[in-house]
């Protein structure tokens, strides 16, 4: 605050997913708490800390959630629950602070070509090791199991960033409490 003079935009962009190939019963309480802390409580805490400055600037909060908030996957059961909670938190917070001038929205990306998926030890590596295939085959199988992407590819990080920029700008001055899916056509339902 002292150095920059205020806060105009808060982007809560934290996410960690660990494949739970052993099923629900293999996920410990410690793993549940860790996932909820990273994917939900980090956004709660950052929003709480930034809100006074955002109220002063009439700023914007953007939560980076996931299509898994409404596309439950037992292979990442704790992740899907945490992202559903984050999306719900975003909507609830918007109802409280939007009348005071702070817009709150969420973005629900499908798979994005980041280290979470494609990096060493990421989702592709973990699934590949469990299936006994190479990481690209694991990605292809994951995509096919979900019905494929209309665009034929993962979302690029810059595409999510561009949506964040638009939502945080005056071009979206009357958008609040909304969730935007960016998934290459992965979700096929209304």
Protein backbone atom coordinates (compact mmCIF):
# COMPACT_ATOMS: atom_id res chain seq x y z
CA UNK A 1 0.00 0.00 0.00
CA UNK A 2 2.76 2.44 0.92
CA UNK A 3 4.81 1.75 -2.19
CA UNK A 4 2.02 1.61 -4.78
CA UNK A 5 -0.66 3.72 -3.13
CA UNK A 6 -3.47 1.20 -3.20
CA UNK A 7 -4.90 -1.93 -4.70
CA UNK A 8 -7.16 -1.89 -7.75
CA UNK A 9 -7.33 -5.59 -8.59
CA UNK A 10 -6.81 -8.80 -6.64
CA UNK A 11 -6.42 -12.00 -8.64
CA UNK A 12 -6.60 -15.13 -6.50
CA UNK A 13 -4.76 -17.52 -8.79
CA UNK A 14 -3.66 -20.43 -6.65
CA UNK A 15 -4.38 -24.02 -7.48
CA UNK A 16 -3.00 -27.41 -6.69
CA UNK A 17 -4.44 -30.73 -7.77
CA UNK A 18 -3.06 -34.11 -6.86
CA UNK A 19 -4.53 -37.13 -8.63
CA UNK A 20 -6.19 -39.43 -6.09
CA UNK A 21 -5.84 -42.68 -7.97
CA UNK A 22 -6.62 -44.72 -4.86
CA UNK A 23 -10.12 -43.26 -4.63
CA UNK A 24 -11.95 -41.34 -1.93
CA UNK A 25 -10.94 -43.63 0.95
CA UNK A 26 -7.26 -43.02 0.20
CA UNK A 27 -7.53 -39.25 0.77
CA UNK A 28 -6.50 -38.42 4.33
CA UNK A 29 -7.81 -35.58 6.48
CA UNK A 30 -4.39 -33.95 6.19
CA UNK A 31 -4.62 -34.06 2.38
CA UNK A 32 -8.15 -32.61 2.48
CA UNK A 33 -7.03 -29.77 4.77
CA UNK A 34 -3.97 -29.05 2.62
CA UNK A 35 -6.07 -28.87 -0.55
CA UNK A 36 -8.71 -26.66 1.07
CA UNK A 37 -6.03 -24.38 2.51
CA UNK A 38 -4.28 -23.93 -0.83
CA UNK A 39 -7.30 -23.71 -3.13
CA UNK A 40 -9.86 -21.95 -0.92
CA UNK A 41 -8.44 -20.44 2.25
CA UNK A 42 -5.59 -18.67 0.44
CA UNK A 43 -8.22 -16.74 -1.54
CA UNK A 44 -10.30 -16.08 1.59
CA UNK A 45 -7.25 -14.69 3.40
CA UNK A 46 -5.97 -12.60 0.49
CA UNK A 47 -9.44 -11.18 -0.13
CA UNK A 48 -9.85 -10.29 3.53
CA UNK A 49 -6.47 -8.53 3.58
CA UNK A 50 -7.06 -6.60 0.34
CA UNK A 51 -10.73 -5.71 0.79
CA UNK A 52 -10.26 -2.41 2.66
CA UNK A 53 -8.02 -1.09 -0.12
CA UNK A 54 -10.34 -2.46 -2.81
CA UNK A 55 -13.32 -0.73 -1.20
CA UNK A 56 -11.38 2.53 -1.30
CA UNK A 57 -10.45 2.10 -4.97
CA UNK A 58 -13.76 0.51 -6.01
CA UNK A 59 -11.67 -2.32 -7.38
CA UNK A 60 -12.18 -5.87 -8.52
CA UNK A 61 -11.50 -9.38 -7.23
CA UNK A 62 -11.12 -12.27 -9.63
CA UNK A 63 -10.98 -15.87 -8.42
CA UNK A 64 -9.36 -18.46 -10.66
CA UNK A 65 -11.46 -21.54 -10.02
CA UNK A 66 -11.84 -24.54 -12.34
CA UNK A 67 -14.35 -26.37 -14.50
CA UNK A 68 -14.03 -29.01 -11.79
CA UNK A 69 -16.17 -26.73 -9.61
CA UNK A 70 -19.13 -28.05 -11.63
CA UNK A 71 -17.53 -31.07 -13.34
CA UNK A 72 -16.85 -33.34 -10.35
CA UNK A 73 -14.02 -35.81 -10.88
CA UNK A 74 -13.43 -38.53 -8.30
CA UNK A 75 -9.78 -38.68 -9.39
CA UNK A 76 -9.26 -35.23 -7.84
CA UNK A 77 -12.14 -35.28 -5.36
CA UNK A 78 -10.63 -32.85 -2.86
CA UNK A 79 -9.65 -30.43 -5.65
CA UNK A 80 -13.17 -30.43 -7.11
CA UNK A 81 -14.71 -29.77 -3.70
CA UNK A 82 -12.26 -26.94 -2.98
CA UNK A 83 -12.88 -25.26 -6.35
CA UNK A 84 -16.66 -25.56 -5.94
CA UNK A 85 -16.26 -23.84 -2.58
CA UNK A 86 -14.10 -21.12 -4.18
CA UNK A 87 -16.71 -20.43 -6.87
CA UNK A 88 -19.44 -20.27 -4.23
CA UNK A 89 -17.30 -17.97 -2.06
CA UNK A 90 -16.82 -15.67 -5.06
CA UNK A 91 -20.56 -15.44 -5.70
CA UNK A 92 -21.40 -14.89 -2.02
CA UNK A 93 -18.70 -12.23 -1.60
CA UNK A 94 -19.95 -10.42 -4.70
CA UNK A 95 -23.40 -10.08 -3.13
CA UNK A 96 -21.88 -8.46 -0.07
CA UNK A 97 -19.32 -6.08 -1.59
CA UNK A 98 -20.66 -5.21 -5.04
CA UNK A 99 -23.16 -2.71 -3.61
CA UNK A 100 -20.09 -1.00 -2.11
CA UNK A 101 -18.34 -0.81 -5.48
CA UNK A 102 -16.12 -3.92 -5.53
CA UNK A 103 -16.84 -6.35 -8.34
CA UNK A 104 -16.13 -10.04 -7.70
CA UNK A 105 -16.07 -12.64 -10.48
CA UNK A 106 -14.60 -16.08 -11.05
CA UNK A 107 -13.04 -17.80 -14.00
CA UNK A 108 -13.35 -21.56 -14.53
CA UNK A 109 -10.57 -22.77 -16.80
CA UNK A 110 -10.48 -26.28 -18.12
CA UNK A 111 -7.03 -27.84 -18.40
CA UNK A 112 -4.41 -25.15 -19.00
CA UNK A 113 -0.96 -25.89 -20.42
CA UNK A 114 0.90 -25.01 -17.21
CA UNK A 115 3.20 -26.95 -14.91
CA UNK A 116 0.16 -28.20 -12.98
CA UNK A 117 -0.61 -30.37 -16.00
CA UNK A 118 2.50 -30.52 -18.12
CA UNK A 119 5.40 -29.90 -15.72
CA UNK A 120 7.63 -32.52 -14.11
CA UNK A 121 5.55 -34.38 -11.52
CA UNK A 122 2.36 -32.74 -12.82
CA UNK A 123 -0.96 -34.34 -13.64
CA UNK A 124 0.26 -35.78 -16.95
CA UNK A 125 3.29 -37.44 -15.34
CA UNK A 126 1.25 -38.83 -12.45
CA UNK A 127 -1.50 -40.24 -14.66
CA UNK A 128 1.07 -41.60 -17.13
CA UNK A 129 2.92 -43.46 -14.40
CA UNK A 130 -0.30 -44.99 -13.08
CA UNK A 131 -1.42 -46.08 -16.57
CA UNK A 132 2.00 -47.16 -17.80
CA UNK A 133 1.95 -44.78 -20.77
CA UNK A 134 3.91 -41.69 -21.77
CA UNK A 135 2.68 -38.27 -20.55
CA UNK A 136 1.24 -37.22 -23.92
CA UNK A 137 -0.78 -40.44 -24.12
CA UNK A 138 -2.04 -39.77 -20.58
CA UNK A 139 -3.14 -36.27 -21.66
CA UNK A 140 -4.83 -37.67 -24.76
CA UNK A 141 -6.67 -40.29 -22.68
CA UNK A 142 -7.76 -37.65 -20.15
CA UNK A 143 -9.08 -35.41 -22.93
CA UNK A 144 -10.89 -38.28 -24.63
CA UNK A 145 -12.43 -39.47 -21.34
CA UNK A 146 -13.98 -36.01 -20.96
CA UNK A 147 -15.41 -35.98 -24.47
CA UNK A 148 -12.64 -33.92 -26.07
CA UNK A 149 -12.12 -30.22 -26.66
CA UNK A 150 -13.86 -28.44 -29.55
CA UNK A 151 -10.62 -26.51 -30.10
CA UNK A 152 -8.51 -29.67 -29.87
CA UNK A 153 -6.13 -28.27 -27.24
CA UNK A 154 -5.59 -27.10 -23.68
CA UNK A 155 -6.17 -23.44 -22.88
CA UNK A 156 -3.04 -21.28 -22.97
CA UNK A 157 -2.12 -19.30 -19.84
CA UNK A 158 -2.22 -16.02 -21.81
CA UNK A 159 -5.85 -16.71 -22.75
CA UNK A 160 -6.83 -16.89 -19.09
CA UNK A 161 -4.76 -13.76 -18.40
CA UNK A 162 -6.58 -11.88 -21.16
CA UNK A 163 -9.93 -12.77 -19.60
CA UNK A 164 -8.64 -11.54 -16.22
CA UNK A 165 -7.60 -8.25 -17.83
CA UNK A 166 -10.99 -7.78 -19.45
CA UNK A 167 -12.91 -8.58 -16.26
CA UNK A 168 -10.77 -6.23 -14.19
CA UNK A 169 -11.17 -3.36 -16.65
CA UNK A 170 -13.88 -0.73 -17.01
CA UNK A 171 -15.09 -2.67 -20.08
CA UNK A 172 -16.69 -5.07 -17.59
CA UNK A 173 -17.91 -2.39 -15.16
CA UNK A 174 -21.33 -3.95 -14.65
CA UNK A 175 -20.25 -7.59 -14.44
CA UNK A 176 -20.15 -9.04 -10.93
CA UNK A 177 -21.03 -12.35 -9.35
CA UNK A 178 -20.42 -14.14 -12.64
CA UNK A 179 -18.36 -17.22 -13.49
CA UNK A 180 -16.69 -17.47 -16.89
CA UNK A 181 -15.70 -20.81 -18.39
CA UNK A 182 -12.65 -20.95 -20.65
CA UNK A 183 -12.15 -24.57 -21.60
CA UNK A 184 -11.87 -24.99 -25.38
CA UNK A 185 -15.39 -26.42 -25.53
CA UNK A 186 -14.77 -29.16 -22.94
CA UNK A 187 -18.07 -28.60 -21.11
CA UNK A 188 -20.86 -29.70 -23.41
CA UNK A 189 -23.85 -28.84 -21.22
CA UNK A 190 -25.74 -25.60 -20.58
